[in-house]
């Protein structure tokens, strides 16, 4: 924006010292007339000057804002550049660490294949669905000091059997002689010999598996009827020759031998509450 208003110059001012009265009057009239013309010109000039000042101030403010924005952009660009340098340094560090880890892993793998042994308190496998399910080897409990136990993996898949799984098979194959005692402990063996002294005698059983598991005890009762017939637990039931279950041996027509061996099978599936007794006779 520019100022376009033109101000007309004033004519020479009258001089009472040098001008004659006629000339002075003429000059004074012209000077006054020129001043009257100059007033609106000055007002217009002032209006344009004020507008120019406003425009200049606005442009100065815009210039200051642009300068501030440019300085902010410059500072942001500098910060971005510094961040980029930092990220580049971090990336280089990560690359170096990855390389170091790779080298260490390769070394560990090579060592593990020949010499590394994992401490038995660490898990060696965990569940793929539930990571809280883990497996570890226990070495301290049973292995003698200085002993290395090789475990050969069979060429077949399946579930590992534990000693507890084989307990019943081992028990069933074990013979135990109770001597004169009529107290039969299930854990002593699948076949047990009982040769009580003559007179009153009571058969008793302990250690049956929990209810819901079928358990069988084979007995060799030597001269068990000598002196008196044996008394059986309250839950004993006897199989008669025709397969009918009876509550007493007498009701099942069982006569205990006084000079020989009765071969007896005792079974239960309710933890010993009910005993099914079968005498094997030819």
C-alpha atoms as a PDB file:
ATOM      1  CA  UNK A   1       0.000   0.000   0.000  1.00  0.00           C
ATOM      2  CA  UNK A   2       1.208   3.554  -0.873  1.00  0.00           C
ATOM      3  CA  UNK A   3       0.075   7.166  -0.222  1.00  0.00           C
ATOM      4  CA  UNK A   4      -1.443   8.683  -3.396  1.00  0.00           C
ATOM      5  CA  UNK A   5      -2.735  11.949  -2.009  1.00  0.00           C
ATOM      6  CA  UNK A   6      -0.887  14.998  -3.407  1.00  0.00           C
ATOM      7  CA  UNK A   7      -0.655  18.202  -1.336  1.00  0.00           C
ATOM      8  CA  UNK A   8      -0.701  21.390  -3.375  1.00  0.00           C
ATOM      9  CA  UNK A   9       2.115  23.803  -2.506  1.00  0.00           C
ATOM     10  CA  UNK A  10       1.173  27.134  -0.927  1.00  0.00           C
ATOM     11  CA  UNK A  11       1.798  30.368  -2.840  1.00  0.00           C
ATOM     12  CA  UNK A  12       4.305  32.869  -1.435  1.00  0.00           C
ATOM     13  CA  UNK A  13       3.129  34.338   1.832  1.00  0.00           C
ATOM     14  CA  UNK A  14       2.444  38.125   1.933  1.00  0.00           C
ATOM     15  CA  UNK A  15       5.173  40.242   3.554  1.00  0.00           C
ATOM     16  CA  UNK A  16       3.975  43.463   5.111  1.00  0.00           C
ATOM     17  CA  UNK A  17       7.488  44.797   5.206  1.00  0.00           C
ATOM     18  CA  UNK A  18       8.170  44.598   1.520  1.00  0.00           C
ATOM     19  CA  UNK A  19       4.785  44.254  -0.203  1.00  0.00           C
ATOM     20  CA  UNK A  20       2.729  47.243  -1.132  1.00  0.00           C
ATOM     21  CA  UNK A  21      -0.781  47.339   0.219  1.00  0.00           C
ATOM     22  CA  UNK A  22      -2.231  46.254  -3.113  1.00  0.00           C
ATOM     23  CA  UNK A  23       0.252  43.433  -3.574  1.00  0.00           C
ATOM     24  CA  UNK A  24      -0.077  42.395   0.047  1.00  0.00           C
ATOM     25  CA  UNK A  25      -3.865  42.086  -0.219  1.00  0.00           C
ATOM     26  CA  UNK A  26      -3.587  40.044  -3.393  1.00  0.00           C
ATOM     27  CA  UNK A  27      -1.001  37.702  -1.899  1.00  0.00           C
ATOM     28  CA  UNK A  28      -2.939  37.338   1.339  1.00  0.00           C
ATOM     29  CA  UNK A  29      -6.118  36.405  -0.515  1.00  0.00           C
ATOM     30  CA  UNK A  30      -4.275  33.819  -2.620  1.00  0.00           C
ATOM     31  CA  UNK A  31      -2.501  32.421   0.427  1.00  0.00           C
ATOM     32  CA  UNK A  32      -5.749  31.983   2.348  1.00  0.00           C
ATOM     33  CA  UNK A  33      -7.466  30.410  -0.647  1.00  0.00           C
ATOM     34  CA  UNK A  34      -4.586  27.960  -1.041  1.00  0.00           C
ATOM     35  CA  UNK A  35      -4.808  27.005   2.675  1.00  0.00           C
ATOM     36  CA  UNK A  36      -8.491  26.216   2.242  1.00  0.00           C
ATOM     37  CA  UNK A  37      -7.618  23.810  -0.567  1.00  0.00           C
ATOM     38  CA  UNK A  38      -4.791  22.291   1.465  1.00  0.00           C
ATOM     39  CA  UNK A  39      -6.997  21.307   4.452  1.00  0.00           C
ATOM     40  CA  UNK A  40      -8.927  18.457   2.726  1.00  0.00           C
ATOM     41  CA  UNK A  41      -5.699  17.361   1.032  1.00  0.00           C
ATOM     42  CA  UNK A  42      -4.006  17.112   4.449  1.00  0.00           C
ATOM     43  CA  UNK A  43      -6.975  15.192   5.864  1.00  0.00           C
ATOM     44  CA  UNK A  44      -6.873  12.743   2.971  1.00  0.00           C
ATOM     45  CA  UNK A  45      -3.117  12.412   3.382  1.00  0.00           C
ATOM     46  CA  UNK A  46      -3.575  11.705   7.093  1.00  0.00           C
ATOM     47  CA  UNK A  47      -6.192   9.008   6.352  1.00  0.00           C
ATOM     48  CA  UNK A  48      -3.898   7.296   3.868  1.00  0.00           C
ATOM     49  CA  UNK A  49      -0.929   7.603   6.246  1.00  0.00           C
ATOM     50  CA  UNK A  50      -2.932   5.975   9.070  1.00  0.00           C
ATOM     51  CA  UNK A  51      -4.017   3.160   6.757  1.00  0.00           C
ATOM     52  CA  UNK A  52      -0.421   2.681   5.654  1.00  0.00           C
ATOM     53  CA  UNK A  53       0.688   2.528   9.305  1.00  0.00           C
ATOM     54  CA  UNK A  54      -1.972  -0.107  10.083  1.00  0.00           C
ATOM     55  CA  UNK A  55      -0.924  -2.117   7.047  1.00  0.00           C
ATOM     56  CA  UNK A  56       2.741  -1.883   7.987  1.00  0.00           C
ATOM     57  CA  UNK A  57       1.996  -2.945  11.574  1.00  0.00           C
ATOM     58  CA  UNK A  58      -0.048  -5.931  10.337  1.00  0.00           C
ATOM     59  CA  UNK A  59       2.714  -6.983   8.002  1.00  0.00           C
ATOM     60  CA  UNK A  60       5.256  -6.552  10.785  1.00  0.00           C
ATOM     61  CA  UNK A  61       3.128  -8.778  13.069  1.00  0.00           C
ATOM     62  CA  UNK A  62       2.781 -11.356  10.286  1.00  0.00           C
ATOM     63  CA  UNK A  63       6.505 -11.161   9.719  1.00  0.00           C
ATOM     64  CA  UNK A  64       7.169 -11.714  13.407  1.00  0.00           C
ATOM     65  CA  UNK A  65       4.769 -14.692  13.454  1.00  0.00           C
ATOM     66  CA  UNK A  66       6.414 -16.136  10.367  1.00  0.00           C
ATOM     67  CA  UNK A  67       9.810 -15.612  11.958  1.00  0.00           C
ATOM     68  CA  UNK A  68       8.667 -17.377  15.140  1.00  0.00           C
ATOM     69  CA  UNK A  69       7.158 -20.236  13.119  1.00  0.00           C
ATOM     70  CA  UNK A  70      10.349 -20.546  11.115  1.00  0.00           C
ATOM     71  CA  UNK A  71      12.450 -20.610  14.269  1.00  0.00           C
ATOM     72  CA  UNK A  72      10.133 -23.258  15.802  1.00  0.00           C
ATOM     73  CA  UNK A  73      10.328 -25.322  12.622  1.00  0.00           C
ATOM     74  CA  UNK A  74      14.094 -24.962  12.657  1.00  0.00           C
ATOM     75  CA  UNK A  75      14.264 -26.089  16.284  1.00  0.00           C
ATOM     76  CA  UNK A  76      11.920 -29.028  15.587  1.00  0.00           C
ATOM     77  CA  UNK A  77      13.977 -30.029  12.578  1.00  0.00           C
ATOM     78  CA  UNK A  78      17.093 -29.918  14.709  1.00  0.00           C
ATOM     79  CA  UNK A  79      15.440 -32.066  17.371  1.00  0.00           C
ATOM     80  CA  UNK A  80      14.231 -34.542  14.731  1.00  0.00           C
ATOM     81  CA  UNK A  81      17.759 -34.674  13.361  1.00  0.00           C
ATOM     82  CA  UNK A  82      19.158 -35.349  16.831  1.00  0.00           C
ATOM     83  CA  UNK A  83      16.508 -38.020  17.425  1.00  0.00           C
ATOM     84  CA  UNK A  84      17.375 -39.594  14.105  1.00  0.00           C
ATOM     85  CA  UNK A  85      21.029 -39.676  15.120  1.00  0.00           C
ATOM     86  CA  UNK A  86      20.069 -41.235  18.465  1.00  0.00           C
ATOM     87  CA  UNK A  87      17.868 -43.824  16.739  1.00  0.00           C
ATOM     88  CA  UNK A  88      20.660 -44.612  14.329  1.00  0.00           C
ATOM     89  CA  UNK A  89      23.082 -45.098  17.224  1.00  0.00           C
ATOM     90  CA  UNK A  90      20.567 -47.313  19.049  1.00  0.00           C
ATOM     91  CA  UNK A  91      19.973 -49.336  15.889  1.00  0.00           C
ATOM     92  CA  UNK A  92      23.700 -49.832  15.528  1.00  0.00           C
ATOM     93  CA  UNK A  93      23.917 -50.951  19.170  1.00  0.00           C
ATOM     94  CA  UNK A  94      21.038 -53.382  18.679  1.00  0.00           C
ATOM     95  CA  UNK A  95      22.700 -54.723  15.568  1.00  0.00           C
ATOM     96  CA  UNK A  96      25.931 -55.228  17.461  1.00  0.00           C
ATOM     97  CA  UNK A  97      24.106 -56.876  20.388  1.00  0.00           C
ATOM     98  CA  UNK A  98      22.220 -59.148  18.000  1.00  0.00           C
ATOM     99  CA  UNK A  99      25.482 -60.156  16.425  1.00  0.00           C
ATOM    100  CA  UNK A 100      27.021 -60.797  19.846  1.00  0.00           C
ATOM    101  CA  UNK A 101      23.987 -62.820  20.932  1.00  0.00           C
ATOM    102  CA  UNK A 102      24.139 -64.818  17.727  1.00  0.00           C
ATOM    103  CA  UNK A 103      27.797 -65.586  18.284  1.00  0.00           C
ATOM    104  CA  UNK A 104      27.129 -66.478  21.934  1.00  0.00           C
ATOM    105  CA  UNK A 105      24.176 -68.675  20.963  1.00  0.00           C
ATOM    106  CA  UNK A 106      26.261 -70.486  18.403  1.00  0.00           C
ATOM    107  CA  UNK A 107      28.986 -70.980  20.993  1.00  0.00           C
ATOM    108  CA  UNK A 108      26.470 -72.157  23.585  1.00  0.00           C
ATOM    109  CA  UNK A 109      24.935 -74.584  21.124  1.00  0.00           C
ATOM    110  CA  UNK A 110      28.339 -75.984  20.280  1.00  0.00           C
ATOM    111  CA  UNK A 111      29.227 -76.259  23.966  1.00  0.00           C
ATOM    112  CA  UNK A 112      25.834 -77.664  24.953  1.00  0.00           C
ATOM    113  CA  UNK A 113      26.266 -80.491  22.483  1.00  0.00           C
ATOM    114  CA  UNK A 114      29.385 -81.643  24.299  1.00  0.00           C
ATOM    115  CA  UNK A 115      29.751 -80.346  27.840  1.00  0.00           C
ATOM    116  CA  UNK A 116      26.850 -78.296  29.259  1.00  0.00           C
ATOM    117  CA  UNK A 117      24.664 -79.770  32.004  1.00  0.00           C
ATOM    118  CA  UNK A 118      21.547 -77.891  33.141  1.00  0.00           C
ATOM    119  CA  UNK A 119      20.961 -77.611  36.889  1.00  0.00           C
ATOM    120  CA  UNK A 120      18.121 -79.925  37.934  1.00  0.00           C
ATOM    121  CA  UNK A 121      16.169 -77.104  39.603  1.00  0.00           C
ATOM    122  CA  UNK A 122      15.524 -75.598  36.152  1.00  0.00           C
ATOM    123  CA  UNK A 123      12.638 -76.782  34.006  1.00  0.00           C
ATOM    124  CA  UNK A 124      13.668 -78.202  30.648  1.00  0.00           C
ATOM    125  CA  UNK A 125      10.237 -78.090  28.970  1.00  0.00           C
ATOM    126  CA  UNK A 126       6.956 -76.246  29.412  1.00  0.00           C
ATOM    127  CA  UNK A 127       3.458 -76.570  28.025  1.00  0.00           C
ATOM    128  CA  UNK A 128       2.720 -74.953  24.667  1.00  0.00           C
ATOM    129  CA  UNK A 129      -0.786 -74.001  25.846  1.00  0.00           C
ATOM    130  CA  UNK A 130      -0.278 -73.663  29.606  1.00  0.00           C
ATOM    131  CA  UNK A 131       3.287 -72.544  30.350  1.00  0.00           C
ATOM    132  CA  UNK A 132       2.766 -73.207  34.068  1.00  0.00           C
ATOM    133  CA  UNK A 133       2.965 -76.943  33.295  1.00  0.00           C
ATOM    134  CA  UNK A 134       6.670 -77.777  33.292  1.00  0.00           C
ATOM    135  CA  UNK A 135       9.039 -80.744  33.482  1.00  0.00           C
ATOM    136  CA  UNK A 136      12.426 -81.018  35.160  1.00  0.00           C
ATOM    137  CA  UNK A 137      14.798 -83.861  36.044  1.00  0.00           C
ATOM    138  CA  UNK A 138      15.619 -84.556  39.701  1.00  0.00           C
ATOM    139  CA  UNK A 139      19.218 -85.773  40.012  1.00  0.00           C
ATOM    140  CA  UNK A 140      20.096 -85.412  43.714  1.00  0.00           C
ATOM    141  CA  UNK A 141      17.514 -87.756  45.273  1.00  0.00           C
ATOM    142  CA  UNK A 142      18.581 -91.173  43.955  1.00  0.00           C
ATOM    143  CA  UNK A 143      21.724 -90.892  41.836  1.00  0.00           C
ATOM    144  CA  UNK A 144      24.925 -91.765  43.776  1.00  0.00           C
ATOM    145  CA  UNK A 145      27.684 -89.156  43.967  1.00  0.00           C
ATOM    146  CA  UNK A 146      29.942 -89.101  40.925  1.00  0.00           C
ATOM    147  CA  UNK A 147      27.587 -91.254  38.868  1.00  0.00           C
ATOM    148  CA  UNK A 148      26.363 -90.413  35.359  1.00  0.00           C
ATOM    149  CA  UNK A 149      23.111 -92.138  34.405  1.00  0.00           C
ATOM    150  CA  UNK A 150      22.538 -92.526  30.641  1.00  0.00           C
ATOM    151  CA  UNK A 151      18.882 -92.523  29.562  1.00  0.00           C
ATOM    152  CA  UNK A 152      18.213 -94.148  26.205  1.00  0.00           C
ATOM    153  CA  UNK A 153      15.081 -92.890  24.476  1.00  0.00           C
ATOM    154  CA  UNK A 154      13.117 -95.702  22.816  1.00  0.00           C
ATOM    155  CA  UNK A 155      12.206 -95.416  19.163  1.00  0.00           C
ATOM    156  CA  UNK A 156       8.517 -95.136  20.028  1.00  0.00           C
ATOM    157  CA  UNK A 157       6.126 -92.580  21.435  1.00  0.00           C
ATOM    158  CA  UNK A 158       3.929 -93.026  24.478  1.00  0.00           C
ATOM    159  CA  UNK A 159       3.417 -92.230  28.142  1.00  0.00           C
ATOM    160  CA  UNK A 160       6.189 -92.938  30.649  1.00  0.00           C
ATOM    161  CA  UNK A 161       5.322 -95.522  33.321  1.00  0.00           C
ATOM    162  CA  UNK A 162       6.270 -94.744  36.926  1.00  0.00           C
ATOM    163  CA  UNK A 163       6.974 -97.012  39.876  1.00  0.00           C
ATOM    164  CA  UNK A 164       3.514 -96.205  41.193  1.00  0.00           C
ATOM    165  CA  UNK A 165       2.050 -97.556  37.938  1.00  0.00           C
ATOM    166  CA  UNK A 166       3.954-100.814  38.372  1.00  0.00           C
ATOM    167  CA  UNK A 167       3.232-101.222  42.066  1.00  0.00           C
ATOM    168  CA  UNK A 168       0.191-103.438  41.631  1.00  0.00           C
ATOM    169  CA  UNK A 169       1.965-105.669  39.101  1.00  0.00           C
ATOM    170  CA  UNK A 170       4.948-106.028  41.429  1.00  0.00           C
ATOM    171  CA  UNK A 171       2.677-106.762  44.406  1.00  0.00           C
ATOM    172  CA  UNK A 172       0.668-109.331  42.474  1.00  0.00           C
ATOM    173  CA  UNK A 173       3.849-111.267  41.664  1.00  0.00           C
ATOM    174  CA  UNK A 174       5.138-111.228  45.259  1.00  0.00           C
ATOM    175  CA  UNK A 175       4.639-114.138  47.691  1.00  0.00           C
ATOM    176  CA  UNK A 176       4.588-113.448  51.420  1.00  0.00           C
ATOM    177  CA  UNK A 177       4.413-115.881  54.315  1.00  0.00           C
ATOM    178  CA  UNK A 178       2.410-114.484  57.252  1.00  0.00           C
ATOM    179  CA  UNK A 179       3.280-117.440  59.428  1.00  0.00           C
ATOM    180  CA  UNK A 180       0.652-117.794  62.143  1.00  0.00           C
ATOM    181  CA  UNK A 181      -0.651-114.227  61.812  1.00  0.00           C
ATOM    182  CA  UNK A 182      -4.108-113.829  60.334  1.00  0.00           C
ATOM    183  CA  UNK A 183      -3.606-110.082  59.771  1.00  0.00           C
ATOM    184  CA  UNK A 184      -3.200-109.748  56.004  1.00  0.00           C
ATOM    185  CA  UNK A 185      -1.534-106.528  54.757  1.00  0.00           C
ATOM    186  CA  UNK A 186      -2.350-105.915  51.118  1.00  0.00           C
ATOM    187  CA  UNK A 187       1.044-104.371  50.336  1.00  0.00           C
ATOM    188  CA  UNK A 188       2.983-107.484  51.427  1.00  0.00           C
ATOM    189  CA  UNK A 189       2.194-109.473  48.300  1.00  0.00           C
ATOM    190  CA  UNK A 190      -0.442-110.777  45.911  1.00  0.00           C
ATOM    191  CA  UNK A 191      -0.139-114.294  47.317  1.00  0.00           C
ATOM    192  CA  UNK A 192       0.111-114.749  51.066  1.00  0.00           C
ATOM    193  CA  UNK A 193       0.334-117.904  53.197  1.00  0.00           C
ATOM    194  CA  UNK A 194      -1.449-118.007  56.556  1.00  0.00           C
ATOM    195  CA  UNK A 195      -0.940-120.976  58.923  1.00  0.00           C
ATOM    196  CA  UNK A 196      -2.642-120.009  62.203  1.00  0.00           C
ATOM    197  CA  UNK A 197      -2.396-121.984  65.375  1.00  0.00           C
ATOM    198  CA  UNK A 198      -5.311-124.178  66.437  1.00  0.00           C
ATOM    199  CA  UNK A 199      -8.118-122.364  68.195  1.00  0.00           C
ATOM    200  CA  UNK A 200     -10.042-119.147  67.756  1.00  0.00           C
ATOM    201  CA  UNK A 201      -8.792-117.014  64.894  1.00  0.00           C
ATOM    202  CA  UNK A 202      -9.978-113.842  63.119  1.00  0.00           C
ATOM    203  CA  UNK A 203      -9.052-112.855  59.599  1.00  0.00           C
ATOM    204  CA  UNK A 204      -8.328-109.139  59.097  1.00  0.00           C
ATOM    205  CA  UNK A 205      -7.212-107.075  56.095  1.00  0.00           C
ATOM    206  CA  UNK A 206      -5.456-103.711  55.806  1.00  0.00           C
ATOM    207  CA  UNK A 207      -4.149-101.478  53.041  1.00  0.00           C
ATOM    208  CA  UNK A 208      -6.793-102.060  50.387  1.00  0.00           C
ATOM    209  CA  UNK A 209      -6.667 -99.515  47.497  1.00  0.00           C
ATOM    210  CA  UNK A 210      -9.205 -96.681  47.600  1.00  0.00           C
ATOM    211  CA  UNK A 211     -12.805 -97.262  46.625  1.00  0.00           C
ATOM    212  CA  UNK A 212     -13.295 -97.429  42.870  1.00  0.00           C
ATOM    213  CA  UNK A 213     -10.263 -99.666  42.237  1.00  0.00           C
ATOM    214  CA  UNK A 214     -10.559-103.426  41.880  1.00  0.00           C
ATOM    215  CA  UNK A 215      -8.187-105.239  44.266  1.00  0.00           C
ATOM    216  CA  UNK A 216      -7.557-108.986  44.588  1.00  0.00           C
ATOM    217  CA  UNK A 217      -5.754-110.907  47.346  1.00  0.00           C
ATOM    218  CA  UNK A 218      -4.895-114.628  46.951  1.00  0.00           C
ATOM    219  CA  UNK A 219      -4.534-116.616  50.204  1.00  0.00           C
ATOM    220  CA  UNK A 220      -3.149-120.015  51.077  1.00  0.00           C
ATOM    221  CA  UNK A 221      -4.926-120.875  54.347  1.00  0.00           C
ATOM    222  CA  UNK A 222      -3.190-123.830  56.012  1.00  0.00           C
ATOM    223  CA  UNK A 223      -5.321-125.854  58.475  1.00  0.00           C
ATOM    224  CA  UNK A 224      -7.437-122.731  58.985  1.00  0.00           C
ATOM    225  CA  UNK A 225     -10.345-124.774  60.322  1.00  0.00           C
ATOM    226  CA  UNK A 226      -8.292-126.510  63.022  1.00  0.00           C
ATOM    227  CA  UNK A 227      -9.789-125.914  66.452  1.00  0.00           C
ATOM    228  CA  UNK A 228     -12.498-123.534  65.152  1.00  0.00           C
ATOM    229  CA  UNK A 229     -13.563-121.886  61.966  1.00  0.00           C
ATOM    230  CA  UNK A 230     -12.019-118.452  61.239  1.00  0.00           C
ATOM    231  CA  UNK A 231     -14.069-115.308  61.782  1.00  0.00           C
ATOM    232  CA  UNK A 232     -14.187-112.882  58.855  1.00  0.00           C
ATOM    233  CA  UNK A 233     -14.761-109.111  58.683  1.00  0.00           C
ATOM    234  CA  UNK A 234     -18.384-107.952  58.779  1.00  0.00           C
ATOM    235  CA  UNK A 235     -18.323-106.986  55.130  1.00  0.00           C
ATOM    236  CA  UNK A 236     -17.257-110.429  53.906  1.00  0.00           C
ATOM    237  CA  UNK A 237     -19.550-112.187  51.453  1.00  0.00           C
ATOM    238  CA  UNK A 238     -18.999-115.780  50.282  1.00  0.00           C
ATOM    239  CA  UNK A 239     -19.652-117.285  46.855  1.00  0.00           C
ATOM    240  CA  UNK A 240     -21.482-120.565  46.997  1.00  0.00           C
ATOM    241  CA  UNK A 241     -20.728-123.337  44.491  1.00  0.00           C
ATOM    242  CA  UNK A 242     -23.712-122.210  42.387  1.00  0.00           C
ATOM    243  CA  UNK A 243     -22.577-118.566  42.321  1.00  0.00           C
ATOM    244  CA  UNK A 244     -25.041-117.260  44.917  1.00  0.00           C
ATOM    245  CA  UNK A 245     -23.565-114.760  47.379  1.00  0.00           C
ATOM    246  CA  UNK A 246     -23.986-115.618  51.075  1.00  0.00           C
ATOM    247  CA  UNK A 247     -23.216-113.659  54.242  1.00  0.00           C
ATOM    248  CA  UNK A 248     -21.403-116.520  55.981  1.00  0.00           C
ATOM    249  CA  UNK A 249     -19.081-119.296  54.907  1.00  0.00           C
ATOM    250  CA  UNK A 250     -21.431-121.900  56.414  1.00  0.00           C
ATOM    251  CA  UNK A 251     -24.342-120.558  54.333  1.00  0.00           C
ATOM    252  CA  UNK A 252     -22.152-120.912  51.243  1.00  0.00           C
ATOM    253  CA  UNK A 253     -21.489-124.590  52.210  1.00  0.00           C
ATOM    254  CA  UNK A 254     -17.790-123.871  52.785  1.00  0.00           C
ATOM    255  CA  UNK A 255     -16.019-126.247  55.181  1.00  0.00           C
ATOM    256  CA  UNK A 256     -12.589-125.044  56.196  1.00  0.00           C
ATOM    257  CA  UNK A 257      -9.884-127.679  56.141  1.00  0.00           C
ATOM    258  CA  UNK A 258      -8.304-128.881  59.356  1.00  0.00           C
ATOM    259  CA  UNK A 259      -5.545-130.867  57.658  1.00  0.00           C
ATOM    260  CA  UNK A 260      -4.815-129.187  54.336  1.00  0.00           C
ATOM    261  CA  UNK A 261      -4.719-125.895  52.442  1.00  0.00           C
ATOM    262  CA  UNK A 262      -7.668-123.824  51.307  1.00  0.00           C
ATOM    263  CA  UNK A 263      -6.908-121.633  48.309  1.00  0.00           C
ATOM    264  CA  UNK A 264      -8.978-118.500  48.678  1.00  0.00           C
ATOM    265  CA  UNK A 265      -9.524-115.467  46.458  1.00  0.00           C
ATOM    266  CA  UNK A 266     -10.597-112.276  48.238  1.00  0.00           C
ATOM    267  CA  UNK A 267     -11.601-109.238  46.143  1.00  0.00           C
ATOM    268  CA  UNK A 268     -13.027-105.772  46.756  1.00  0.00           C
ATOM    269  CA  UNK A 269     -13.821-102.634  44.778  1.00  0.00           C
ATOM    270  CA  UNK A 270     -14.977-100.388  47.601  1.00  0.00           C
ATOM    271  CA  UNK A 271     -11.781-100.080  49.611  1.00  0.00           C
ATOM    272  CA  UNK A 272     -12.394-103.217  51.714  1.00  0.00           C
ATOM    273  CA  UNK A 273     -15.883-102.353  52.944  1.00  0.00           C
ATOM    274  CA  UNK A 274     -17.230-105.367  51.088  1.00  0.00           C
ATOM    275  CA  UNK A 275     -15.075-108.475  50.560  1.00  0.00           C
ATOM    276  CA  UNK A 276     -16.050-111.151  48.062  1.00  0.00           C
ATOM    277  CA  UNK A 277     -14.551-114.471  49.202  1.00  0.00           C
ATOM    278  CA  UNK A 278     -14.264-117.418  46.863  1.00  0.00           C
ATOM    279  CA  UNK A 279     -12.804-120.780  47.880  1.00  0.00           C
ATOM    280  CA  UNK A 280     -11.195-122.699  45.011  1.00  0.00           C
ATOM    281  CA  UNK A 281     -12.220-126.332  45.168  1.00  0.00           C
ATOM    282  CA  UNK A 282     -11.936-128.992  42.527  1.00  0.00           C
END
